[in-house]
């Protein structure tokens, strides 16, 4: 079977029966992986310098996140096609796999915080999920800018957002309500003369966020419009697809463990005060690093697709990934961990609501998106990242 064009979508591989074909990677990437792994081993067993160990661990873990995510997504998509699942449901599975790194890194970092009695690590873990959503929005702006840089306007088919239109609206409502809940909590304390204290997202609301996503996914899969869309054809055999998914998720968990270890080392051994960084900034910086490490390697694929002119794929992927992070992952974290509604979190909720509304309005009013709209989303998220880095 001949190889398909994979320039715009690295998830698309050939459907040849050999396992080595299913796990195909470029020679250049193999060289990079070997170099990163050798650097990691040298830093662990020979060099034994903490700073070098941190750099080596993060570099190798980020590459492993990128590659393992591709394997997991490719395996799940092919298994879904073999099982005869709808295109929408396969897309949901693919999006879940692409968001797994954020969830794994956050969970493992939080676990490290619990077993070492470090509340700072727990706060970093929770805040990193919010930052991952922020990086998704940042990528959304980049995708729109890249898609429109030549003509200024890109026409986006209505079907790109029609399946998720209601979910996007619901996500905007949830973000606005959570923002109002957090602000009213502080206002109420000030009115009653109480020293403002930190409030947390109730676990029951986290459950309802997760439940709303699951409910909508079930509804969307059963809609006639979703059923009528032909599902993708299998790209691999059942065995190869299962192996891809298995080794992909194993790689994601290994990468998450390595990133969690690197975060703990960075938090404990980097001389933050020597750089003039206060405690609140240190927590935000670490959360930004984890959020970027979890979101950028996989969701960055949308940037490649946008650069190759596949605007509908890129915008659809980043929109779906953003709503999934905001509802499913943040809601899931809030069910098990106290999610603080501090200034950084509330700012991100406001940005998420504004960005989703901005882009959805642009896509649904005339089915077009322009470079100005993308630039505004990009500027808004950059503005928020700078704000949360400011010492409070």
Protein backbone atom coordinates (compact mmCIF):
# COMPACT_ATOMS: atom_id res chain seq x y z
CA UNK A 1 0.00 0.00 0.00
CA UNK A 2 1.35 3.40 -0.91
CA UNK A 3 2.10 6.04 1.65
CA UNK A 4 -0.41 8.85 2.05
CA UNK A 5 0.53 12.50 2.19
CA UNK A 6 1.31 13.26 5.82
CA UNK A 7 2.59 16.82 5.42
CA UNK A 8 -0.40 18.37 7.13
CA UNK A 9 -1.26 15.63 9.61
CA UNK A 10 1.55 13.59 11.19
CA UNK A 11 -1.09 11.34 12.77
CA UNK A 12 -1.80 9.80 9.36
CA UNK A 13 0.45 6.83 8.79
CA UNK A 14 0.43 4.01 6.27
CA UNK A 15 -1.73 0.99 6.88
CA UNK A 16 0.95 -1.63 6.32
CA UNK A 17 0.90 -4.75 8.48
CA UNK A 18 4.41 -4.65 9.86
CA UNK A 19 4.83 -3.38 13.41
CA UNK A 20 7.99 -1.45 12.53
CA UNK A 21 6.00 0.39 9.84
CA UNK A 22 3.29 1.37 12.33
CA UNK A 23 5.95 2.79 14.67
CA UNK A 24 7.69 4.63 11.86
CA UNK A 25 9.72 7.68 12.86
CA UNK A 26 12.09 9.71 10.76
CA UNK A 27 15.81 9.06 10.87
CA UNK A 28 16.40 12.60 12.10
CA UNK A 29 14.02 12.10 15.00
CA UNK A 30 15.72 8.81 15.93
CA UNK A 31 19.05 10.63 16.11
CA UNK A 32 17.51 13.38 18.26
CA UNK A 33 15.91 10.81 20.58
CA UNK A 34 19.17 8.86 20.98
CA UNK A 35 21.10 12.04 21.75
CA UNK A 36 18.52 13.19 24.31
CA UNK A 37 18.41 9.78 25.97
CA UNK A 38 22.21 9.54 26.08
CA UNK A 39 22.36 13.03 27.59
CA UNK A 40 19.78 11.96 30.18
CA UNK A 41 21.74 8.81 31.12
CA UNK A 42 25.00 10.76 31.34
CA UNK A 43 23.40 13.32 33.65
CA UNK A 44 22.01 10.56 35.91
CA UNK A 45 25.00 8.22 36.21
CA UNK A 46 28.14 10.18 35.30
CA UNK A 47 27.83 13.98 35.40
CA UNK A 48 25.53 14.08 38.45
CA UNK A 49 24.93 17.81 38.29
CA UNK A 50 21.44 18.87 39.37
CA UNK A 51 21.01 21.65 36.80
CA UNK A 52 22.17 19.45 33.93
CA UNK A 53 19.96 16.63 35.22
CA UNK A 54 16.93 18.94 35.20
CA UNK A 55 17.62 20.10 31.63
CA UNK A 56 18.29 16.57 30.37
CA UNK A 57 15.22 15.11 32.06
CA UNK A 58 12.87 17.80 30.76
CA UNK A 59 14.28 17.65 27.23
CA UNK A 60 13.93 13.87 26.97
CA UNK A 61 10.50 13.86 28.68
CA UNK A 62 9.12 16.54 26.34
CA UNK A 63 10.27 14.56 23.28
CA UNK A 64 8.78 11.38 24.75
CA UNK A 65 5.49 13.20 25.39
CA UNK A 66 5.40 14.34 21.77
CA UNK A 67 6.16 10.94 20.25
CA UNK A 68 4.12 8.83 22.69
CA UNK A 69 1.07 11.07 22.16
CA UNK A 70 1.29 10.47 18.43
CA UNK A 71 1.44 6.70 18.95
CA UNK A 72 -1.52 6.75 21.36
CA UNK A 73 -3.65 8.92 19.08
CA UNK A 74 -2.82 6.93 15.96
CA UNK A 75 -3.55 3.65 17.73
CA UNK A 76 -6.87 4.84 19.18
CA UNK A 77 -8.04 6.32 15.88
CA UNK A 78 -7.25 3.10 14.04
CA UNK A 79 -8.90 0.93 16.72
CA UNK A 80 -11.98 3.18 16.57
CA UNK A 81 -12.15 2.79 12.80
CA UNK A 82 -11.83 -0.99 13.10
CA UNK A 83 -14.66 -0.99 15.67
CA UNK A 84 -16.84 1.06 13.30
CA UNK A 85 -17.12 4.09 15.60
CA UNK A 86 -18.34 7.40 14.22
CA UNK A 87 -15.91 10.07 13.08
CA UNK A 88 -16.96 12.33 15.95
CA UNK A 89 -16.44 9.67 18.62
CA UNK A 90 -13.02 8.81 17.20
CA UNK A 91 -12.22 12.53 17.33
CA UNK A 92 -13.21 12.58 21.01
CA UNK A 93 -10.92 9.61 21.71
CA UNK A 94 -8.10 11.31 19.82
CA UNK A 95 -8.58 14.52 21.78
CA UNK A 96 -8.59 12.57 25.05
CA UNK A 97 -5.29 10.98 24.12
CA UNK A 98 -3.78 14.35 23.19
CA UNK A 99 -4.84 15.79 26.56
CA UNK A 100 -3.56 12.81 28.56
CA UNK A 101 -0.07 14.33 29.09
CA UNK A 102 -1.51 17.36 30.93
CA UNK A 103 -3.60 15.12 33.20
CA UNK A 104 -0.74 12.68 33.89
CA UNK A 105 1.88 15.33 34.66
CA UNK A 106 -0.53 17.22 36.92
CA UNK A 107 -1.61 14.06 38.78
CA UNK A 108 1.95 12.82 39.31
CA UNK A 109 3.16 16.25 40.45
CA UNK A 110 0.27 16.45 42.92
CA UNK A 111 1.08 12.95 44.17
CA UNK A 112 4.70 13.98 44.70
CA UNK A 113 3.43 16.94 46.67
CA UNK A 114 1.28 14.72 48.91
CA UNK A 115 3.94 12.09 49.65
CA UNK A 116 6.58 14.75 50.36
CA UNK A 117 4.19 16.99 52.35
CA UNK A 118 4.77 19.86 49.92
CA UNK A 119 1.63 21.98 49.44
CA UNK A 120 3.56 24.08 46.92
CA UNK A 121 3.88 21.11 44.56
CA UNK A 122 0.15 20.43 44.88
CA UNK A 123 -0.61 24.05 44.02
CA UNK A 124 1.77 23.85 41.05
CA UNK A 125 0.02 20.70 39.84
CA UNK A 126 -3.42 22.28 40.01
CA UNK A 127 -2.34 25.58 38.47
CA UNK A 128 -0.50 23.76 35.66
CA UNK A 129 -3.82 22.44 34.34
CA UNK A 130 -5.10 26.01 34.10
CA UNK A 131 -1.89 27.01 32.33
CA UNK A 132 -2.28 24.11 29.90
CA UNK A 133 -5.66 25.56 28.96
CA UNK A 134 -3.93 28.91 28.52
CA UNK A 135 -1.37 27.42 26.16
CA UNK A 136 -4.19 25.81 24.18
CA UNK A 137 -5.73 29.25 23.74
CA UNK A 138 -2.32 30.69 22.82
CA UNK A 139 -1.98 27.99 20.16
CA UNK A 140 -5.49 28.80 18.97
CA UNK A 141 -4.41 32.38 18.28
CA UNK A 142 -1.21 31.22 16.56
CA UNK A 143 -3.19 28.78 14.40
CA UNK A 144 -5.57 31.52 13.24
CA UNK A 145 -2.71 33.93 12.50
CA UNK A 146 -0.80 31.30 10.51
CA UNK A 147 -3.93 30.25 8.63
CA UNK A 148 -4.73 33.81 7.59
CA UNK A 149 -1.26 35.28 7.10
CA UNK A 150 -1.33 35.08 3.29
CA UNK A 151 -4.87 36.10 2.39
CA UNK A 152 -5.94 37.78 5.65
CA UNK A 153 -9.14 35.69 5.73
CA UNK A 154 -9.72 31.95 5.79
CA UNK A 155 -13.10 30.36 5.16
CA UNK A 156 -13.87 27.64 7.68
CA UNK A 157 -16.58 25.06 6.88
CA UNK A 158 -19.51 25.20 9.28
CA UNK A 159 -19.17 21.50 10.08
CA UNK A 160 -15.83 22.22 11.75
CA UNK A 161 -17.63 23.77 14.72
CA UNK A 162 -21.24 22.61 14.39
CA UNK A 163 -20.70 19.46 16.48
CA UNK A 164 -19.04 21.47 19.25
CA UNK A 165 -21.07 24.70 19.06
CA UNK A 166 -23.27 23.89 22.05
CA UNK A 167 -20.30 22.60 24.02
CA UNK A 168 -18.39 25.82 23.35
CA UNK A 169 -21.34 27.90 24.54
CA UNK A 170 -21.64 25.79 27.69
CA UNK A 171 -17.90 26.10 28.36
CA UNK A 172 -18.14 29.89 28.08
CA UNK A 173 -21.06 29.92 30.56
CA UNK A 174 -19.14 27.71 33.03
CA UNK A 175 -16.02 29.89 32.86
CA UNK A 176 -18.06 33.07 33.43
CA UNK A 177 -19.96 31.54 36.36
CA UNK A 178 -16.74 30.31 38.00
CA UNK A 179 -15.23 33.77 37.55
CA UNK A 180 -18.29 35.35 39.17
CA UNK A 181 -18.23 32.79 42.00
CA UNK A 182 -14.60 33.56 42.82
CA UNK A 183 -15.01 37.33 42.64
CA UNK A 184 -18.20 37.35 44.73
CA UNK A 185 -16.46 35.27 47.39
CA UNK A 186 -13.78 37.93 47.83
CA UNK A 187 -16.29 40.79 47.67
CA UNK A 188 -18.44 39.15 50.34
CA UNK A 189 -15.44 38.80 52.65
CA UNK A 190 -14.53 42.46 52.19
CA UNK A 191 -18.12 43.59 52.87
CA UNK A 192 -18.18 41.67 56.15
CA UNK A 193 -14.76 42.93 57.19
CA UNK A 194 -13.16 39.50 56.98
CA UNK A 195 -9.57 39.16 55.84
CA UNK A 196 -9.85 37.79 52.29
CA UNK A 197 -8.96 34.12 52.18
CA UNK A 198 -8.55 31.62 49.39
CA UNK A 199 -11.64 29.87 48.06
CA UNK A 200 -11.70 26.58 46.19
CA UNK A 201 -13.74 25.14 43.37
CA UNK A 202 -16.28 22.79 45.00
CA UNK A 203 -15.79 19.13 44.09
CA UNK A 204 -19.45 18.81 43.14
CA UNK A 205 -19.01 21.52 40.50
CA UNK A 206 -15.97 19.68 39.18
CA UNK A 207 -18.08 16.55 38.86
CA UNK A 208 -20.79 18.44 36.99
CA UNK A 209 -18.18 19.86 34.59
CA UNK A 210 -16.96 16.34 33.80
CA UNK A 211 -20.52 15.02 33.59
CA UNK A 212 -21.54 17.78 31.18
CA UNK A 213 -18.71 16.89 28.82
CA UNK A 214 -19.51 13.16 28.94
CA UNK A 215 -23.22 13.88 28.45
CA UNK A 216 -22.60 16.08 25.44
CA UNK A 217 -20.18 13.56 23.92
CA UNK A 218 -22.84 10.84 24.17
CA UNK A 219 -25.45 13.18 22.68
CA UNK A 220 -23.17 14.26 19.83
CA UNK A 221 -22.28 10.67 18.95
CA UNK A 222 -26.00 9.74 18.72
CA UNK A 223 -26.98 12.78 16.65
CA UNK A 224 -28.02 11.88 13.09
CA UNK A 225 -25.46 14.32 11.70
CA UNK A 226 -22.71 12.51 13.56
CA UNK A 227 -23.94 9.07 12.54
CA UNK A 228 -24.14 10.00 8.89
CA UNK A 229 -20.54 11.12 8.72
CA UNK A 230 -18.37 8.24 7.52
CA UNK A 231 -15.71 7.17 9.97
CA UNK A 232 -12.08 7.02 8.91
CA UNK A 233 -10.66 3.85 7.47
CA UNK A 234 -8.25 1.78 9.61
CA UNK A 235 -4.60 2.64 9.00
CA UNK A 236 -3.17 -0.40 10.78
CA UNK A 237 -4.13 -3.93 11.70
CA UNK A 238 -5.91 -4.55 15.00
CA UNK A 239 -2.69 -5.85 16.57
CA UNK A 240 -0.56 -2.91 15.43
CA UNK A 241 -3.22 -0.41 16.51
CA UNK A 242 -3.40 -1.97 19.98
CA UNK A 243 0.40 -1.93 20.27
CA UNK A 244 0.55 1.71 19.21
CA UNK A 245 -2.07 2.70 21.80
CA UNK A 246 -0.46 0.61 24.56
CA UNK A 247 3.08 1.83 24.06
CA UNK A 248 1.82 5.37 23.48
CA UNK A 249 0.10 5.56 26.86
CA UNK A 250 3.01 3.81 28.59
CA UNK A 251 5.32 6.43 27.09
CA UNK A 252 3.03 9.24 28.23
CA UNK A 253 3.10 7.96 31.82
CA UNK A 254 6.90 7.57 31.76
CA UNK A 255 7.25 11.10 30.39
CA UNK A 256 4.85 12.40 33.04
CA UNK A 257 6.85 10.71 35.80
CA UNK A 258 10.11 12.20 34.50
CA UNK A 259 8.57 15.67 34.24
CA UNK A 260 7.19 15.42 37.78
CA UNK A 261 10.66 14.45 39.06
CA UNK A 262 12.24 17.34 37.14
CA UNK A 263 9.68 19.77 38.55
CA UNK A 264 10.44 18.71 42.12
CA UNK A 265 14.19 19.08 41.52
CA UNK A 266 13.69 22.49 39.92
CA UNK A 267 11.48 23.68 42.75
CA UNK A 268 13.92 22.55 45.46
CA UNK A 269 17.37 23.20 44.01
CA UNK A 270 17.17 26.17 41.63
CA UNK A 271 18.28 29.37 43.48
CA UNK A 272 15.09 31.30 42.75
CA UNK A 273 15.74 34.13 45.21
CA UNK A 274 19.07 34.76 43.52
CA UNK A 275 17.14 35.75 40.40
CA UNK A 276 14.85 38.07 42.36
CA UNK A 277 11.88 35.66 42.07
CA UNK A 278 9.42 35.59 44.96
CA UNK A 279 7.46 32.56 46.17
CA UNK A 280 4.26 33.27 44.21
CA UNK A 281 6.24 33.81 41.01
CA UNK A 282 8.14 30.55 41.55
CA UNK A 283 4.88 28.59 41.72
CA UNK A 284 3.46 30.29 38.62
CA UNK A 285 6.68 29.76 36.64
CA UNK A 286 6.73 26.05 37.45
CA UNK A 287 3.05 25.76 36.56
CA UNK A 288 3.75 27.48 33.23
CA UNK A 289 6.59 25.05 32.50
CA UNK A 290 4.42 22.01 33.24
CA UNK A 291 1.48 23.43 31.29
CA UNK A 292 3.69 24.09 28.28
CA UNK A 293 5.34 20.66 28.50
CA UNK A 294 1.94 18.98 28.56
CA UNK A 295 0.13 21.09 25.95
CA UNK A 296 2.70 22.23 23.39
CA UNK A 297 4.25 18.94 22.18
CA UNK A 298 0.94 17.43 21.05
CA UNK A 299 -1.36 20.40 20.45
CA UNK A 300 1.51 22.10 18.66
CA UNK A 301 0.70 19.75 15.78
CA UNK A 302 -2.16 22.12 14.96
CA UNK A 303 0.42 24.83 14.27
CA UNK A 304 2.09 22.54 11.73
CA UNK A 305 -1.28 21.84 10.10
CA UNK A 306 -2.07 25.57 9.96
CA UNK A 307 1.31 26.31 8.41
CA UNK A 308 0.55 23.72 5.71
CA UNK A 309 -2.76 25.42 4.89
CA UNK A 310 -5.09 22.97 6.69
CA UNK A 311 -6.95 25.64 8.66
CA UNK A 312 -10.11 23.60 9.28
CA UNK A 313 -8.17 20.70 10.85
CA UNK A 314 -6.01 23.03 12.93
CA UNK A 315 -8.82 25.23 14.24
CA UNK A 316 -11.09 22.25 14.92
CA UNK A 317 -8.38 20.41 16.85
CA UNK A 318 -7.44 23.36 19.04
CA UNK A 319 -11.06 24.27 19.74
CA UNK A 320 -11.90 20.71 20.77
CA UNK A 321 -8.76 20.40 22.87
CA UNK A 322 -9.42 23.68 24.67
CA UNK A 323 -12.99 22.82 25.68
CA UNK A 324 -11.87 19.39 26.80
CA UNK A 325 -9.14 20.78 29.04
CA UNK A 326 -11.45 23.40 30.54
CA UNK A 327 -14.32 21.01 31.31
CA UNK A 328 -12.95 17.49 31.55
CA UNK A 329 -9.45 17.92 32.97
CA UNK A 330 -10.04 20.95 35.20
CA UNK A 331 -13.31 19.41 36.41
CA UNK A 332 -11.58 16.08 37.01
CA UNK A 333 -8.80 17.74 39.00
CA UNK A 334 -11.33 19.65 41.11
CA UNK A 335 -13.08 16.37 42.00
CA UNK A 336 -9.96 15.03 43.73
CA UNK A 337 -7.76 18.04 44.52
CA UNK A 338 -8.62 21.44 46.04
CA UNK A 339 -8.50 23.78 43.04
CA UNK A 340 -7.77 27.31 44.34
CA UNK A 341 -9.73 30.13 42.74
CA UNK A 342 -6.92 32.66 43.11
CA UNK A 343 -6.14 35.62 40.85
CA UNK A 344 -4.16 33.58 38.31
CA UNK A 345 -6.91 30.98 37.93
CA UNK A 346 -9.72 33.55 37.68
CA UNK A 347 -7.77 35.50 35.06
CA UNK A 348 -7.40 32.34 33.00
CA UNK A 349 -11.11 31.58 33.29
CA UNK A 350 -11.93 35.07 32.02
CA UNK A 351 -9.46 34.71 29.14
CA UNK A 352 -10.81 31.30 28.18
CA UNK A 353 -14.38 32.59 28.08
CA UNK A 354 -13.42 35.67 26.08
CA UNK A 355 -11.26 33.78 23.58
CA UNK A 356 -13.83 31.06 22.94
CA UNK A 357 -16.60 33.62 22.49
CA UNK A 358 -14.42 35.72 20.20
CA UNK A 359 -13.52 32.83 17.91
CA UNK A 360 -16.92 31.15 17.95
CA UNK A 361 -18.59 34.41 16.98
CA UNK A 362 -16.10 34.82 14.15
CA UNK A 363 -16.70 31.29 12.89
CA UNK A 364 -20.49 31.26 13.09
CA UNK A 365 -21.42 34.73 11.84
CA UNK A 366 -19.85 34.47 8.38
CA UNK A 367 -17.87 31.20 8.47
CA UNK A 368 -14.68 33.21 8.13
CA UNK A 369 -11.83 34.06 10.44
CA UNK A 370 -9.31 36.84 9.87
CA UNK A 371 -5.83 37.66 11.05
CA UNK A 372 -7.05 40.42 13.37
CA UNK A 373 -9.20 37.97 15.33
CA UNK A 374 -6.31 35.56 15.68
CA UNK A 375 -3.94 38.35 16.74
CA UNK A 376 -6.40 39.52 19.41
CA UNK A 377 -6.68 36.01 20.90
CA UNK A 378 -2.90 35.68 20.87
CA UNK A 379 -2.46 39.10 22.46
CA UNK A 380 -5.10 38.42 25.12
CA UNK A 381 -3.46 35.18 26.30
CA UNK A 382 0.03 36.70 26.24
CA UNK A 383 -1.32 39.59 28.31
CA UNK A 384 -2.69 37.13 30.90
CA UNK A 385 0.57 35.15 31.12
CA UNK A 386 2.46 38.39 31.80
CA UNK A 387 -0.10 39.44 34.42
CA UNK A 388 0.10 36.16 36.36
CA UNK A 389 3.89 36.38 36.38
CA UNK A 390 3.78 39.75 38.10
CA UNK A 391 4.52 39.53 41.86
CA UNK A 392 1.42 40.01 44.03
